[in-house]
Every structure is written in structure tokens, then in C-alpha cells.
Amino acid sequence: VWPGSNGYVHLRIYDSNLADTRNEGYSATMEIYNSTIGILAAYNGGLVYVENSIINDAIEVKDTGTRIYGFNISGNYEILETEGGKYIQVEKSGIPW
């Protein structure tokens, strides 16, 4: 599955196998739980929270104000942070925004 969000959307994903998951931003938020993810990306101020999941390829975070928060994430992935985007590993379960 290739889920994506853009605009005033809040998307929740559970127990899924995700190939290329993207939050294009513009006020969009996304939550992912108990899933396997190839690439997880966020842009343009998008917010993503991912919990108890495996990421196989990359976490890509681009643009000021864009954040991906991870709790209990595993896998062999690289973190790509550009133009002010940040990946933040959180210490406790729950959406931080």
C-alpha cells in the first residue's frame, strides 16, 4: 500500500505493510501503528507519529516544521533530515502534538 496525506487530513494506519508512505504536509497529520514500512517521508510541515513498527529503507523529513516522531521503531533504515525537517525518537507512547 502507498498511503499519502495532504491538506487538512488526519490519517490513522494500523497493522499494515506499507511500501512508500508520505505525508505531503499543509496541515496533514498521520499516525502509524504496528506496521512494516519501506520508506516513511514527510514534507511541508506535515506531522507523523509511528509506533511499534519496522522501517526497512528510510525516514525522510524535509522542510521547516516537518516532524516524524517514532516510538519503539526497529529496522535497518537511514534518516534523511533536510531543510529543517527533524526525526525525533520519543521515550513514551503517544502522539506528541
C-alpha atoms as a PDB file:
ATOM      1  CA  VAL A   1       0.000   0.000   0.000  1.00  0.00           C
ATOM      2  CA  TRP A   2       1.171   3.556  -0.759  1.00  0.00           C
ATOM      3  CA  PRO A   3      -0.792   5.818   1.607  1.00  0.00           C
ATOM      4  CA  GLY A   4      -0.383   9.566   1.439  1.00  0.00           C
ATOM      5  CA  SER A   5      -1.960  12.598   3.031  1.00  0.00           C
ATOM      6  CA  ASN A   6      -2.094  16.247   2.052  1.00  0.00           C
ATOM      7  CA  GLY A   7      -4.062  19.179   3.450  1.00  0.00           C
ATOM      8  CA  TYR A   8      -6.459  19.136   6.379  1.00  0.00           C
ATOM      9  CA  VAL A   9      -6.450  15.349   6.843  1.00  0.00           C
ATOM     10  CA  HIS A  10      -5.673  13.124   9.843  1.00  0.00           C
ATOM     11  CA  LEU A  11      -4.879   9.583   8.708  1.00  0.00           C
ATOM     12  CA  ARG A  12      -4.515   6.563  11.048  1.00  0.00           C
ATOM     13  CA  ILE A  13      -2.985   3.322   9.803  1.00  0.00           C
ATOM     14  CA  TYR A  14      -2.906   0.022  11.743  1.00  0.00           C
ATOM     15  CA  ASP A  15      -1.297  -3.379  11.147  1.00  0.00           C
ATOM     16  CA  SER A  16      -0.265  -2.733   7.545  1.00  0.00           C
ATOM     17  CA  ASN A  17       2.509  -3.430   5.058  1.00  0.00           C
ATOM     18  CA  LEU A  18       3.397  -0.004   3.606  1.00  0.00           C
ATOM     19  CA  ALA A  19       5.745   0.488   0.662  1.00  0.00           C
ATOM     20  CA  ASP A  20       6.169   4.257   0.334  1.00  0.00           C
ATOM     21  CA  THR A  21       4.256   6.264   2.928  1.00  0.00           C
ATOM     22  CA  ARG A  22       4.190  10.063   2.540  1.00  0.00           C
ATOM     23  CA  ASN A  23       2.691  12.981   4.393  1.00  0.00           C
ATOM     24  CA  GLU A  24       2.840  15.878   1.935  1.00  0.00           C
ATOM     25  CA  GLY A  25       2.012  18.368   4.693  1.00  0.00           C
ATOM     26  CA  TYR A  26      -0.071  21.517   4.534  1.00  0.00           C
ATOM     27  CA  SER A  27      -1.611  20.729   7.962  1.00  0.00           C
ATOM     28  CA  ALA A  28      -1.863  16.954   7.368  1.00  0.00           C
ATOM     29  CA  THR A  29      -1.149  14.575  10.255  1.00  0.00           C
ATOM     30  CA  MET A  30      -0.613  10.828  10.223  1.00  0.00           C
ATOM     31  CA  GLU A  31      -0.385   8.019  12.800  1.00  0.00           C
ATOM     32  CA  ILE A  32       1.020   4.567  12.028  1.00  0.00           C
ATOM     33  CA  TYR A  33       0.875   1.598  14.420  1.00  0.00           C
ATOM     34  CA  ASN A  34       2.214  -1.982  14.311  1.00  0.00           C
ATOM     35  CA  SER A  35       3.220  -1.836  10.658  1.00  0.00           C
ATOM     36  CA  THR A  36       6.094  -2.639   8.320  1.00  0.00           C
ATOM     37  CA  ILE A  37       7.221   0.375   6.288  1.00  0.00           C
ATOM     38  CA  GLY A  38       9.640   0.673   3.379  1.00  0.00           C
ATOM     39  CA  ILE A  39      10.039   4.447   3.181  1.00  0.00           C
ATOM     40  CA  LEU A  40       8.418   6.938   5.554  1.00  0.00           C
ATOM     41  CA  ALA A  41       8.511  10.571   4.430  1.00  0.00           C
ATOM     42  CA  ALA A  42       7.045  13.923   5.468  1.00  0.00           C
ATOM     43  CA  TYR A  43       7.261  17.387   3.891  1.00  0.00           C
ATOM     44  CA  ASN A  44       5.828  20.924   4.062  1.00  0.00           C
ATOM     45  CA  GLY A  45       5.102  20.967   7.804  1.00  0.00           C
ATOM     46  CA  GLY A  46       3.493  17.523   7.931  1.00  0.00           C
ATOM     47  CA  LEU A  47       3.478  15.621  11.224  1.00  0.00           C
ATOM     48  CA  VAL A  48       3.818  11.840  11.545  1.00  0.00           C
ATOM     49  CA  TYR A  49       3.776   9.615  14.629  1.00  0.00           C
ATOM     50  CA  VAL A  50       4.869   5.985  14.178  1.00  0.00           C
ATOM     51  CA  GLU A  51       4.772   3.341  16.933  1.00  0.00           C
ATOM     52  CA  ASN A  52       5.790  -0.328  17.248  1.00  0.00           C
ATOM     53  CA  SER A  53       6.797  -0.542  13.598  1.00  0.00           C
ATOM     54  CA  ILE A  54       9.640  -1.754  11.389  1.00  0.00           C
ATOM     55  CA  ILE A  55      11.187   0.610   8.855  1.00  0.00           C
ATOM     56  CA  ASN A  56      13.273  -1.094   6.168  1.00  0.00           C
ATOM     57  CA  ASP A  57      14.717   1.664   3.971  1.00  0.00           C
ATOM     58  CA  ALA A  58      14.489   5.305   5.056  1.00  0.00           C
ATOM     59  CA  ILE A  59      12.913   8.020   7.140  1.00  0.00           C
ATOM     60  CA  GLU A  60      12.888  11.230   5.101  1.00  0.00           C
ATOM     61  CA  VAL A  61      11.955  14.528   6.755  1.00  0.00           C
ATOM     62  CA  LYS A  62      12.122  17.741   4.746  1.00  0.00           C
ATOM     63  CA  ASP A  63      11.183  21.391   5.395  1.00  0.00           C
ATOM     64  CA  THR A  64      10.991  23.564   8.481  1.00  0.00           C
ATOM     65  CA  GLY A  65       8.298  22.480  10.930  1.00  0.00           C
ATOM     66  CA  THR A  66       8.077  18.972   9.496  1.00  0.00           C
ATOM     67  CA  ARG A  67       8.431  16.245  12.118  1.00  0.00           C
ATOM     68  CA  ILE A  68       8.358  12.473  12.283  1.00  0.00           C
ATOM     69  CA  TYR A  69       8.120  11.089  15.818  1.00  0.00           C
ATOM     70  CA  GLY A  70       8.990   7.459  16.480  1.00  0.00           C
ATOM     71  CA  PHE A  71       8.377   5.172  19.437  1.00  0.00           C
ATOM     72  CA  ASN A  72       9.717   1.594  19.526  1.00  0.00           C
ATOM     73  CA  ILE A  73      10.927   1.667  15.913  1.00  0.00           C
ATOM     74  CA  SER A  74      13.215  -1.035  14.558  1.00  0.00           C
ATOM     75  CA  GLY A  75      14.770  -1.999  11.242  1.00  0.00           C
ATOM     76  CA  ASN A  76      17.734  -1.138   9.076  1.00  0.00           C
ATOM     77  CA  TYR A  77      16.980   2.394   7.856  1.00  0.00           C
ATOM     78  CA  GLU A  78      18.734   5.668   7.219  1.00  0.00           C
ATOM     79  CA  ILE A  79      17.483   9.028   8.466  1.00  0.00           C
ATOM     80  CA  LEU A  80      17.438  11.879   5.951  1.00  0.00           C
ATOM     81  CA  GLU A  81      16.785  15.302   7.503  1.00  0.00           C
ATOM     82  CA  THR A  82      16.926  18.318   5.169  1.00  0.00           C
ATOM     83  CA  GLU A  83      15.880  21.964   5.137  1.00  0.00           C
ATOM     84  CA  GLY A  84      14.854  21.969   8.811  1.00  0.00           C
ATOM     85  CA  GLY A  85      12.914  18.673   8.957  1.00  0.00           C
ATOM     86  CA  LYS A  86      13.506  16.522  12.050  1.00  0.00           C
ATOM     87  CA  TYR A  87      13.098  12.908  13.140  1.00  0.00           C
ATOM     88  CA  ILE A  88      12.555  12.646  16.895  1.00  0.00           C
ATOM     89  CA  GLN A  89      12.664   9.384  18.814  1.00  0.00           C
ATOM     90  CA  VAL A  90      10.268   9.735  21.753  1.00  0.00           C
ATOM     91  CA  GLU A  91      10.627   8.000  25.124  1.00  0.00           C
ATOM     92  CA  LYS A  92       6.960   7.189  25.735  1.00  0.00           C
ATOM     93  CA  SER A  93       3.971   6.049  23.690  1.00  0.00           C
ATOM     94  CA  GLY A  94       1.503   8.674  22.458  1.00  0.00           C
ATOM     95  CA  ILE A  95       1.126  11.484  19.965  1.00  0.00           C
ATOM     96  CA  PRO A  96       3.411  14.369  20.989  1.00  0.00           C
ATOM     97  CA  TRP A  97       1.496  17.207  19.326  1.00  0.00           C
END
